Amino acid sequence: MNSKIEHILLVMLAALLLTACTGGSKNPARTGGKEVFRLVKKPHSTNSGAAMPTIVQETMPPPILGEGHRTTDDVLYHFRPYVRQQLMPYFRNAGVSYPPKKVTFIALKQERKLEVWAGDAGEFRFIRDYDIRAASGVTGPKLKQGDKQVPEGIYRIVGLNPNSNYHLSMKLNYPNEFDWFHAEREGRYDPGSDIFIHGDSVSAGCLAMGDKAIEELFVLTAEVGHENVKVIITPRDPRVLPLDPNGYGLPTWTPELYRMISAEMEFFSDELRVSNSRPIYPARSPIR
């Protein structure tokens, strides 16, 4: 008798869940990031002390396809709930909605930091920063394929790669118009390409952020829209110490490049690091 009641309850609960989760889709597990459930039996003691099986609904982690086959939607489905949980406190402290309208990533090569700034309208607010795990090369712009230099300048994200060899990656529009203009003037017809912000901790001209950080950056970029994300890469923080364009081996157009970077960085001043209630982190001391 108990087995018969158990069977009836199982059928009824399964029918209810199917009705609630299908939503007219043949594959609800890949559309909209809904939770996936399974039915499990767990022991339950009655008043007489006898153990009776109870049918319960248990949340399962969402599935994700293996690398080489997954889409950006797959990545969002798998990581978005966790990333939102991680980032929402930072956005609340900054007084910025999530997802915001626009985002700027500021990569500081010398400090090995990548700052996230975001805004809904008007000024940007500091959200948080991440350690850059690896960034090959030295101070100065990227000039040619194979020099292993992380570029310097103002860039856009032009693509998201959910099947990167480095977990996840976001491609920059290097070389941009500024880079091409000076390369052509100097007869450099192979200034390099395929510069990414990616996971892992190895670099040959890219910004390696580690897997956890790239998951957050990738999901944030996808939710904002990569066309609404700007990336500033600077040799060091010009808000602390002015950039020096006269270093050994720097091209003659470096002063123009550093003026552009410094002017862009004026929109991201230390005053804007302070939320309505308290500083998010102290202002930096000068680099020694």
Protein backbone atom coordinates (compact mmCIF):
# COMPACT_ATOMS: atom_id res chain seq x y z
CA MET A 1 0.00 0.00 0.00
CA ASN A 2 2.77 2.39 0.94
CA SER A 3 4.57 1.59 -2.29
CA LYS A 4 1.41 2.38 -4.28
CA ILE A 5 0.93 5.77 -2.54
CA GLU A 6 4.58 6.55 -3.11
CA HIS A 7 4.23 5.80 -6.83
CA ILE A 8 1.13 8.04 -7.15
CA LEU A 9 2.90 10.94 -5.38
CA LEU A 10 5.93 10.55 -7.61
CA VAL A 11 3.83 10.70 -10.79
CA MET A 12 1.86 13.73 -9.57
CA LEU A 13 4.95 15.69 -8.55
CA ALA A 14 6.76 14.85 -11.79
CA ALA A 15 3.78 16.07 -13.82
CA LEU A 16 3.64 19.30 -11.83
CA LEU A 17 7.32 20.03 -12.36
CA LEU A 18 7.14 19.31 -16.08
CA THR A 19 4.22 21.70 -16.44
CA ALA A 20 6.02 24.45 -14.51
CA CYS A 21 9.46 24.19 -16.18
CA THR A 22 8.88 23.49 -19.85
CA GLY A 23 7.57 26.95 -20.81
CA GLY A 24 6.97 25.76 -24.36
CA SER A 25 10.67 25.00 -24.87
CA LYS A 26 12.03 21.64 -25.97
CA ASN A 27 15.20 22.27 -23.99
CA PRO A 28 14.44 24.35 -20.91
CA ALA A 29 17.83 23.62 -19.40
CA ARG A 30 19.46 25.89 -22.01
CA THR A 31 16.94 28.74 -22.19
CA GLY A 32 16.70 31.44 -19.60
CA GLY A 33 18.97 29.94 -16.96
CA LYS A 34 16.18 28.28 -14.96
CA GLU A 35 17.06 25.98 -12.10
CA VAL A 36 17.10 22.26 -12.81
CA PHE A 37 15.45 19.88 -10.36
CA ARG A 38 15.43 16.16 -9.68
CA LEU A 39 13.19 13.99 -7.52
CA VAL A 40 14.90 12.04 -4.77
CA LYS A 41 13.78 9.76 -1.98
CA LYS A 42 14.85 10.58 1.56
CA PRO A 43 14.04 8.57 4.71
CA HIS A 44 11.42 10.00 7.01
CA SER A 45 10.57 8.61 10.45
CA THR A 46 6.91 8.19 11.37
CA ASN A 47 5.46 8.43 14.87
CA SER A 48 5.83 4.68 15.21
CA GLY A 49 9.53 4.95 14.45
CA ALA A 50 9.32 3.21 11.07
CA ALA A 51 11.41 4.70 8.26
CA MET A 52 9.22 5.79 5.34
CA PRO A 53 10.60 7.19 2.03
CA THR A 54 9.66 10.81 1.32
CA ILE A 55 9.76 12.33 -2.17
CA VAL A 56 11.48 15.73 -2.20
CA GLN A 57 12.56 18.23 -4.86
CA GLU A 58 16.31 18.94 -4.92
CA THR A 59 18.12 21.65 -6.88
CA MET A 60 20.87 20.48 -9.23
CA PRO A 61 23.73 22.59 -10.60
CA PRO A 62 23.00 23.66 -14.19
CA PRO A 63 24.74 21.64 -16.92
CA ILE A 64 27.55 23.06 -19.02
CA LEU A 65 28.94 21.58 -22.20
CA GLY A 66 32.59 20.70 -22.52
CA GLU A 67 35.05 23.23 -23.92
CA GLY A 68 34.93 23.40 -27.69
CA HIS A 69 31.17 23.00 -27.80
CA ARG A 70 29.72 25.57 -25.44
CA THR A 71 28.17 28.91 -26.34
CA THR A 72 28.13 32.23 -24.52
CA ASP A 73 24.58 31.37 -23.44
CA ASP A 74 25.89 28.14 -21.91
CA VAL A 75 28.49 30.09 -19.94
CA LEU A 76 25.89 32.60 -18.76
CA TYR A 77 23.53 29.82 -17.76
CA HIS A 78 26.22 28.13 -15.71
CA PHE A 79 28.00 31.12 -14.11
CA ARG A 80 25.53 34.03 -14.02
CA PRO A 81 23.81 33.21 -10.68
CA TYR A 82 27.18 32.87 -8.92
CA VAL A 83 28.67 35.97 -10.58
CA ARG A 84 25.67 38.10 -9.68
CA GLN A 85 25.95 36.93 -6.08
CA GLN A 86 29.62 37.94 -6.08
CA LEU A 87 29.26 41.32 -7.79
CA MET A 88 25.99 42.69 -6.45
CA PRO A 89 27.45 43.87 -3.09
CA TYR A 90 30.11 45.90 -4.92
CA PHE A 91 27.52 47.54 -7.17
CA ARG A 92 25.26 48.32 -4.21
CA ASN A 93 28.16 49.97 -2.35
CA ALA A 94 28.92 52.09 -5.41
CA GLY A 95 25.27 53.06 -5.93
CA VAL A 96 25.18 51.58 -9.43
CA SER A 97 22.50 49.22 -10.74
CA TYR A 98 23.36 45.76 -12.02
CA PRO A 99 23.80 45.26 -14.87
CA PRO A 100 24.90 48.84 -15.53
CA LYS A 101 24.61 50.76 -18.79
CA LYS A 102 28.35 51.09 -19.39
CA VAL A 103 31.58 49.59 -18.03
CA THR A 104 35.24 50.55 -18.27
CA PHE A 105 38.09 48.20 -17.43
CA ILE A 106 41.36 49.92 -16.50
CA ALA A 107 44.43 47.70 -16.71
CA LEU A 108 47.46 49.06 -14.81
CA LYS A 109 50.49 47.17 -16.09
CA GLN A 110 52.99 48.18 -13.40
CA GLU A 111 50.55 47.71 -10.52
CA ARG A 112 49.22 44.44 -11.97
CA LYS A 113 45.65 45.51 -11.28
CA LEU A 114 42.50 45.63 -13.41
CA GLU A 115 39.90 48.08 -12.12
CA VAL A 116 36.20 47.85 -12.93
CA TRP A 117 34.26 51.11 -13.24
CA ALA A 118 30.58 51.29 -14.14
CA GLY A 119 27.81 53.83 -14.60
CA ASP A 120 24.14 54.11 -15.42
CA ALA A 121 24.25 57.71 -16.66
CA GLY A 122 26.84 60.42 -16.24
CA GLU A 123 29.91 59.69 -14.11
CA PHE A 124 31.43 56.29 -13.64
CA ARG A 125 31.81 54.78 -10.17
CA PHE A 126 34.57 52.46 -8.97
CA ILE A 127 33.22 48.93 -8.46
CA ARG A 128 36.22 46.75 -7.57
CA ASP A 129 39.62 45.61 -8.82
CA TYR A 130 41.28 42.30 -9.64
CA ASP A 131 44.88 41.13 -9.59
CA ILE A 132 46.37 40.62 -13.03
CA ARG A 133 48.00 37.19 -12.79
CA ALA A 134 50.31 37.69 -15.76
CA ALA A 135 51.06 40.45 -18.29
CA SER A 136 54.17 39.89 -20.37
CA GLY A 137 56.47 42.58 -21.71
CA VAL A 138 57.64 45.92 -20.35
CA THR A 139 56.52 49.55 -20.35
CA GLY A 140 55.58 50.76 -23.80
CA PRO A 141 53.08 50.01 -26.58
CA LYS A 142 52.95 46.83 -28.62
CA LEU A 143 54.73 47.23 -31.97
CA LYS A 144 54.93 43.90 -33.76
CA GLN A 145 53.81 40.29 -33.79
CA GLY A 146 55.82 38.19 -31.37
CA ASP A 147 57.18 40.98 -29.17
CA LYS A 148 55.01 39.64 -26.30
CA GLN A 149 54.07 43.17 -25.32
CA VAL A 150 50.74 43.92 -23.69
CA PRO A 151 49.48 46.88 -25.77
CA GLU A 152 48.82 50.33 -24.32
CA GLY A 153 45.91 52.49 -25.40
CA ILE A 154 42.12 52.73 -25.41
CA TYR A 155 40.35 49.66 -26.75
CA ARG A 156 37.02 47.94 -27.13
CA ILE A 157 35.98 44.34 -26.64
CA VAL A 158 34.97 42.90 -29.99
CA GLY A 159 34.23 39.29 -29.11
CA LEU A 160 33.61 36.79 -26.33
CA ASN A 161 35.17 33.33 -26.60
CA PRO A 162 33.48 30.69 -24.42
CA ASN A 163 35.88 28.00 -25.73
CA SER A 164 39.21 29.63 -24.99
CA ASN A 165 42.34 27.58 -24.30
CA TYR A 166 42.52 29.79 -21.18
CA HIS A 167 39.06 28.94 -19.81
CA LEU A 168 37.23 32.05 -21.12
CA SER A 169 38.48 35.07 -23.04
CA MET A 170 37.47 38.47 -24.39
CA LYS A 171 39.12 39.80 -27.55
CA LEU A 172 40.32 43.40 -27.82
CA ASN A 173 40.28 45.45 -31.01
CA TYR A 174 44.07 45.64 -31.11
CA PRO A 175 45.41 47.01 -33.40
CA ASN A 176 42.94 49.90 -33.31
CA GLU A 177 42.97 52.87 -35.69
CA PHE A 178 45.70 54.65 -33.72
CA ASP A 179 47.91 51.55 -33.72
CA TRP A 180 47.41 50.97 -37.48
CA PHE A 181 48.08 54.62 -38.34
CA HIS A 182 51.50 54.66 -36.71
CA ALA A 183 52.36 51.13 -37.85
CA GLU A 184 51.74 52.04 -41.50
CA ARG A 185 53.71 55.29 -41.20
CA GLU A 186 56.69 53.30 -39.88
CA GLY A 187 56.35 50.42 -42.34
CA ARG A 188 55.29 47.92 -39.70
CA TYR A 189 52.82 45.72 -41.57
CA ASP A 190 52.48 43.05 -38.87
CA PRO A 191 51.79 44.91 -35.60
CA GLY A 192 50.35 41.74 -34.08
CA SER A 193 46.80 40.69 -33.25
CA ASP A 194 44.72 38.35 -31.10
CA ILE A 195 45.09 40.22 -27.82
CA PHE A 196 42.73 38.95 -25.14
CA ILE A 197 41.72 39.32 -21.54
CA HIS A 198 41.55 35.69 -20.45
CA GLY A 199 41.74 33.20 -17.60
CA ASP A 200 44.69 31.13 -16.38
CA SER A 201 47.96 32.78 -15.35
CA VAL A 202 50.20 32.81 -18.44
CA SER A 203 50.65 35.67 -20.90
CA ALA A 204 52.28 36.30 -24.27
CA GLY A 205 50.91 39.80 -24.79
CA CYS A 206 47.51 39.25 -23.17
CA LEU A 207 46.09 40.02 -19.72
CA ALA A 208 45.77 36.78 -17.75
CA MET A 209 43.27 37.22 -14.92
CA GLY A 210 42.87 33.73 -13.47
CA ASP A 211 39.77 31.60 -13.98
CA LYS A 212 37.55 32.98 -11.21
CA ALA A 213 38.14 36.61 -12.24
CA ILE A 214 37.54 35.96 -15.94
CA GLU A 215 34.24 34.26 -15.13
CA GLU A 216 33.07 37.46 -13.42
CA LEU A 217 34.45 39.76 -16.13
CA PHE A 218 33.06 37.61 -18.95
CA VAL A 219 29.54 37.46 -17.47
CA LEU A 220 29.55 41.19 -16.65
CA THR A 221 30.62 42.03 -20.21
CA ALA A 222 27.99 39.73 -21.72
CA GLU A 223 25.24 41.22 -19.57
CA VAL A 224 26.24 44.82 -20.30
CA GLY A 225 26.88 44.12 -23.99
CA HIS A 226 30.49 44.10 -25.19
CA GLU A 227 29.80 47.19 -27.33
CA ASN A 228 29.25 49.11 -24.06
CA VAL A 229 32.61 48.13 -22.55
CA LYS A 230 35.80 50.19 -22.90
CA VAL A 231 39.28 48.95 -21.95
CA ILE A 232 42.08 51.35 -21.00
CA ILE A 233 45.55 49.80 -20.77
CA THR A 234 48.17 52.07 -19.23
CA PRO A 235 51.83 51.46 -18.26
CA ARG A 236 51.11 52.68 -14.73
CA ASP A 237 48.51 54.73 -12.88
CA PRO A 238 48.70 58.35 -14.17
CA ARG A 239 46.43 59.45 -11.31
CA VAL A 240 49.38 58.79 -9.00
CA LEU A 241 52.38 59.75 -11.13
CA PRO A 242 52.39 61.29 -14.64
CA LEU A 243 53.28 58.93 -17.46
CA ASP A 244 56.81 59.29 -18.79
CA PRO A 245 56.88 59.15 -22.61
CA ASN A 246 60.65 59.53 -22.83
CA GLY A 247 61.75 56.10 -21.67
CA TYR A 248 64.41 54.11 -23.51
CA GLY A 249 63.22 52.55 -26.74
CA LEU A 250 59.76 54.13 -26.79
CA PRO A 251 58.53 55.28 -30.22
CA THR A 252 58.42 58.97 -31.07
CA TRP A 253 54.61 59.03 -30.95
CA THR A 254 54.48 57.80 -27.33
CA PRO A 255 53.83 61.34 -25.96
CA GLU A 256 50.65 61.52 -28.05
CA LEU A 257 49.55 58.08 -26.84
CA TYR A 258 50.20 58.89 -23.18
CA ARG A 259 48.35 62.21 -23.47
CA MET A 260 45.32 60.31 -24.77
CA ILE A 261 45.49 57.76 -21.95
CA SER A 262 45.95 60.44 -19.28
CA ALA A 263 43.03 62.49 -20.60
CA GLU A 264 40.80 59.41 -20.58
CA MET A 265 41.83 58.56 -17.03
CA GLU A 266 40.62 61.93 -15.77
CA PHE A 267 37.07 60.50 -15.84
CA PHE A 268 38.11 57.95 -13.22
CA SER A 269 39.47 60.03 -10.37
CA ASP A 270 40.07 59.10 -6.73
CA GLU A 271 37.10 61.23 -5.65
CA LEU A 272 34.75 58.84 -7.44
CA ARG A 273 36.07 55.88 -5.44
CA VAL A 274 33.94 56.97 -2.48
CA SER A 275 30.39 55.64 -2.20
CA ASN A 276 27.56 57.51 -0.51
CA SER A 277 28.42 55.93 2.82
CA ARG A 278 32.14 55.10 3.02
CA PRO A 279 35.34 54.76 0.98
CA ILE A 280 35.56 51.51 -0.94
CA TYR A 281 39.35 51.46 -0.46
CA PRO A 282 41.97 54.07 0.50
CA ALA A 283 43.61 56.32 -2.08
CA ARG A 284 46.97 55.05 -3.29
CA SER A 285 50.27 56.38 -2.07
CA PRO A 286 52.86 57.42 -4.70
CA ILE A 287 54.84 54.60 -6.32
CA ARG A 288 58.40 54.37 -5.01
